[in-house]
């Protein structure tokens, strides 16, 4: 499970295309809702690809991998929305609910 699988599942079940940028060389490691698996064999370095290929970052909860993505996004001046993630960081627009996160994304991509 996890956040990434949940996000993929929601997009997949809504008829969307989902892309998984995988840290290893094995595409079978993608969650079942990924329609386009991209294998990198880069480990955590794939976080640079994730952030560079994104218009904005939504950080939900997370551990050091999420912190890495947040740091890269801050360095690249990408907008960041945070939901129950690393607290008290300048440059993150913190929200309290998933609905607030969706509203924040909508306001940034218009």
C-alpha atoms as a PDB file:
ATOM      1  CA  UNK A   1       0.000   0.000   0.000  1.00  0.00           C
ATOM      2  CA  UNK A   2       1.116   3.413   0.939  1.00  0.00           C
ATOM      3  CA  UNK A   3       0.457   6.877  -0.371  1.00  0.00           C
ATOM      4  CA  UNK A   4       1.924   6.315  -3.834  1.00  0.00           C
ATOM      5  CA  UNK A   5      -0.169   3.213  -4.432  1.00  0.00           C
ATOM      6  CA  UNK A   6      -3.271   5.004  -3.141  1.00  0.00           C
ATOM      7  CA  UNK A   7      -2.674   7.939  -5.480  1.00  0.00           C
ATOM      8  CA  UNK A   8      -2.113   5.587  -8.418  1.00  0.00           C
ATOM      9  CA  UNK A   9      -5.218   3.609  -7.564  1.00  0.00           C
ATOM     10  CA  UNK A  10      -7.394   6.719  -7.453  1.00  0.00           C
ATOM     11  CA  UNK A  11      -6.082   7.995 -10.782  1.00  0.00           C
ATOM     12  CA  UNK A  12      -6.263   4.544 -12.392  1.00  0.00           C
ATOM     13  CA  UNK A  13      -9.827   3.898 -11.235  1.00  0.00           C
ATOM     14  CA  UNK A  14     -10.843   7.333 -12.544  1.00  0.00           C
ATOM     15  CA  UNK A  15      -9.562   6.304 -15.988  1.00  0.00           C
ATOM     16  CA  UNK A  16      -6.263   8.170 -15.797  1.00  0.00           C
ATOM     17  CA  UNK A  17      -2.806   7.176 -16.928  1.00  0.00           C
ATOM     18  CA  UNK A  18      -0.384   6.513 -14.087  1.00  0.00           C
ATOM     19  CA  UNK A  19       3.394   6.648 -14.304  1.00  0.00           C
ATOM     20  CA  UNK A  20       5.706   4.986 -11.803  1.00  0.00           C
ATOM     21  CA  UNK A  21       9.353   6.064 -11.723  1.00  0.00           C
ATOM     22  CA  UNK A  22      10.892   3.021 -10.085  1.00  0.00           C
ATOM     23  CA  UNK A  23      14.155   3.034  -8.117  1.00  0.00           C
ATOM     24  CA  UNK A  24      15.266  -0.408  -9.312  1.00  0.00           C
ATOM     25  CA  UNK A  25      15.653  -2.340 -12.574  1.00  0.00           C
ATOM     26  CA  UNK A  26      12.540  -4.517 -12.180  1.00  0.00           C
ATOM     27  CA  UNK A  27       9.269  -3.210 -13.661  1.00  0.00           C
ATOM     28  CA  UNK A  28       7.329  -5.962 -11.889  1.00  0.00           C
ATOM     29  CA  UNK A  29       7.985  -4.057  -8.629  1.00  0.00           C
ATOM     30  CA  UNK A  30       5.505  -1.354  -9.707  1.00  0.00           C
ATOM     31  CA  UNK A  31       2.219  -1.305  -7.844  1.00  0.00           C
ATOM     32  CA  UNK A  32      -0.723  -2.868  -9.720  1.00  0.00           C
ATOM     33  CA  UNK A  33      -2.165   0.545 -10.653  1.00  0.00           C
ATOM     34  CA  UNK A  34       0.880   1.819 -12.568  1.00  0.00           C
ATOM     35  CA  UNK A  35       0.123   1.833 -16.301  1.00  0.00           C
ATOM     36  CA  UNK A  36       3.551   3.129 -17.386  1.00  0.00           C
ATOM     37  CA  UNK A  37       6.431   1.803 -15.270  1.00  0.00           C
ATOM     38  CA  UNK A  38       9.768   3.535 -15.822  1.00  0.00           C
ATOM     39  CA  UNK A  39      12.681   1.550 -14.433  1.00  0.00           C
ATOM     40  CA  UNK A  40      15.741   3.599 -13.504  1.00  0.00           C
ATOM     41  CA  UNK A  41      18.056   1.429 -11.379  1.00  0.00           C
ATOM     42  CA  UNK A  42      19.036   4.731  -9.705  1.00  0.00           C
ATOM     43  CA  UNK A  43      17.868   4.059  -6.161  1.00  0.00           C
ATOM     44  CA  UNK A  44      17.076   7.269  -4.317  1.00  0.00           C
ATOM     45  CA  UNK A  45      18.667   9.316  -7.112  1.00  0.00           C
ATOM     46  CA  UNK A  46      15.419   8.739  -9.009  1.00  0.00           C
ATOM     47  CA  UNK A  47      13.940  11.420  -6.703  1.00  0.00           C
ATOM     48  CA  UNK A  48      15.633  14.017  -8.903  1.00  0.00           C
ATOM     49  CA  UNK A  49      13.744  12.612 -11.924  1.00  0.00           C
ATOM     50  CA  UNK A  50      10.472  12.638 -10.009  1.00  0.00           C
ATOM     51  CA  UNK A  51      10.820  16.282  -8.984  1.00  0.00           C
ATOM     52  CA  UNK A  52      12.260  17.551 -12.282  1.00  0.00           C
ATOM     53  CA  UNK A  53       9.412  15.950 -14.234  1.00  0.00           C
ATOM     54  CA  UNK A  54       6.759  17.471 -11.950  1.00  0.00           C
ATOM     55  CA  UNK A  55       5.054  20.853 -12.050  1.00  0.00           C
ATOM     56  CA  UNK A  56       4.611  20.759  -8.276  1.00  0.00           C
ATOM     57  CA  UNK A  57       5.065  18.407  -5.367  1.00  0.00           C
ATOM     58  CA  UNK A  58       2.426  17.160  -2.941  1.00  0.00           C
ATOM     59  CA  UNK A  59       4.219  15.744   0.099  1.00  0.00           C
ATOM     60  CA  UNK A  60       1.996  13.491   2.196  1.00  0.00           C
ATOM     61  CA  UNK A  61       3.446  12.114   5.409  1.00  0.00           C
ATOM     62  CA  UNK A  62       6.677  10.393   4.465  1.00  0.00           C
ATOM     63  CA  UNK A  63      10.152   9.668   5.692  1.00  0.00           C
ATOM     64  CA  UNK A  64      13.624  10.520   4.394  1.00  0.00           C
ATOM     65  CA  UNK A  65      12.740   9.810   0.754  1.00  0.00           C
ATOM     66  CA  UNK A  66       9.978  12.408   0.993  1.00  0.00           C
ATOM     67  CA  UNK A  67      12.398  14.805   2.688  1.00  0.00           C
ATOM     68  CA  UNK A  68      14.811  14.262  -0.198  1.00  0.00           C
ATOM     69  CA  UNK A  69      12.081  15.091  -2.723  1.00  0.00           C
ATOM     70  CA  UNK A  70      11.088  18.188  -0.723  1.00  0.00           C
ATOM     71  CA  UNK A  71      14.720  19.368  -0.629  1.00  0.00           C
ATOM     72  CA  UNK A  72      15.134  18.922  -4.373  1.00  0.00           C
ATOM     73  CA  UNK A  73      11.849  20.744  -5.041  1.00  0.00           C
ATOM     74  CA  UNK A  74      12.938  23.643  -2.799  1.00  0.00           C
ATOM     75  CA  UNK A  75      16.274  23.867  -4.635  1.00  0.00           C
ATOM     76  CA  UNK A  76      14.455  23.920  -7.993  1.00  0.00           C
ATOM     77  CA  UNK A  77      11.846  26.431  -6.737  1.00  0.00           C
ATOM     78  CA  UNK A  78       8.968  24.024  -7.411  1.00  0.00           C
ATOM     79  CA  UNK A  79       5.740  24.642  -5.480  1.00  0.00           C
ATOM     80  CA  UNK A  80       5.260  22.228  -2.575  1.00  0.00           C
ATOM     81  CA  UNK A  81       2.030  21.360  -0.799  1.00  0.00           C
ATOM     82  CA  UNK A  82       2.450  19.520   2.493  1.00  0.00           C
ATOM     83  CA  UNK A  83      -0.110  17.310   4.239  1.00  0.00           C
ATOM     84  CA  UNK A  84       1.014  15.767   7.549  1.00  0.00           C
ATOM     85  CA  UNK A  85       4.622  15.895   6.391  1.00  0.00           C
ATOM     86  CA  UNK A  86       7.893  17.404   7.598  1.00  0.00           C
ATOM     87  CA  UNK A  87       6.831  20.391   9.741  1.00  0.00           C
ATOM     88  CA  UNK A  88       8.044  23.975   9.931  1.00  0.00           C
ATOM     89  CA  UNK A  89       9.862  24.159   6.617  1.00  0.00           C
ATOM     90  CA  UNK A  90       9.970  27.416   4.683  1.00  0.00           C
ATOM     91  CA  UNK A  91       8.659  27.067   1.159  1.00  0.00           C
ATOM     92  CA  UNK A  92       5.963  24.487   1.888  1.00  0.00           C
ATOM     93  CA  UNK A  93       2.290  25.409   1.720  1.00  0.00           C
ATOM     94  CA  UNK A  94       0.852  23.274   4.517  1.00  0.00           C
ATOM     95  CA  UNK A  95      -2.741  22.045   4.314  1.00  0.00           C
ATOM     96  CA  UNK A  96      -4.877  20.139   6.811  1.00  0.00           C
ATOM     97  CA  UNK A  97      -6.961  17.830   4.606  1.00  0.00           C
ATOM     98  CA  UNK A  98      -6.749  15.982   1.301  1.00  0.00           C
ATOM     99  CA  UNK A  99      -9.495  18.267   0.004  1.00  0.00           C
ATOM    100  CA  UNK A 100      -7.355  21.293   0.904  1.00  0.00           C
ATOM    101  CA  UNK A 101      -4.456  19.713  -0.996  1.00  0.00           C
ATOM    102  CA  UNK A 102      -6.625  19.258  -4.095  1.00  0.00           C
ATOM    103  CA  UNK A 103      -7.774  22.882  -3.841  1.00  0.00           C
ATOM    104  CA  UNK A 104      -4.155  24.044  -3.493  1.00  0.00           C
ATOM    105  CA  UNK A 105      -3.093  22.021  -6.541  1.00  0.00           C
ATOM    106  CA  UNK A 106      -6.023  23.408  -8.543  1.00  0.00           C
ATOM    107  CA  UNK A 107      -5.091  26.981  -7.635  1.00  0.00           C
ATOM    108  CA  UNK A 108      -1.476  26.442  -8.679  1.00  0.00           C
ATOM    109  CA  UNK A 109      -2.103  24.794 -12.051  1.00  0.00           C
ATOM    110  CA  UNK A 110      -4.623  27.290 -13.376  1.00  0.00           C
END
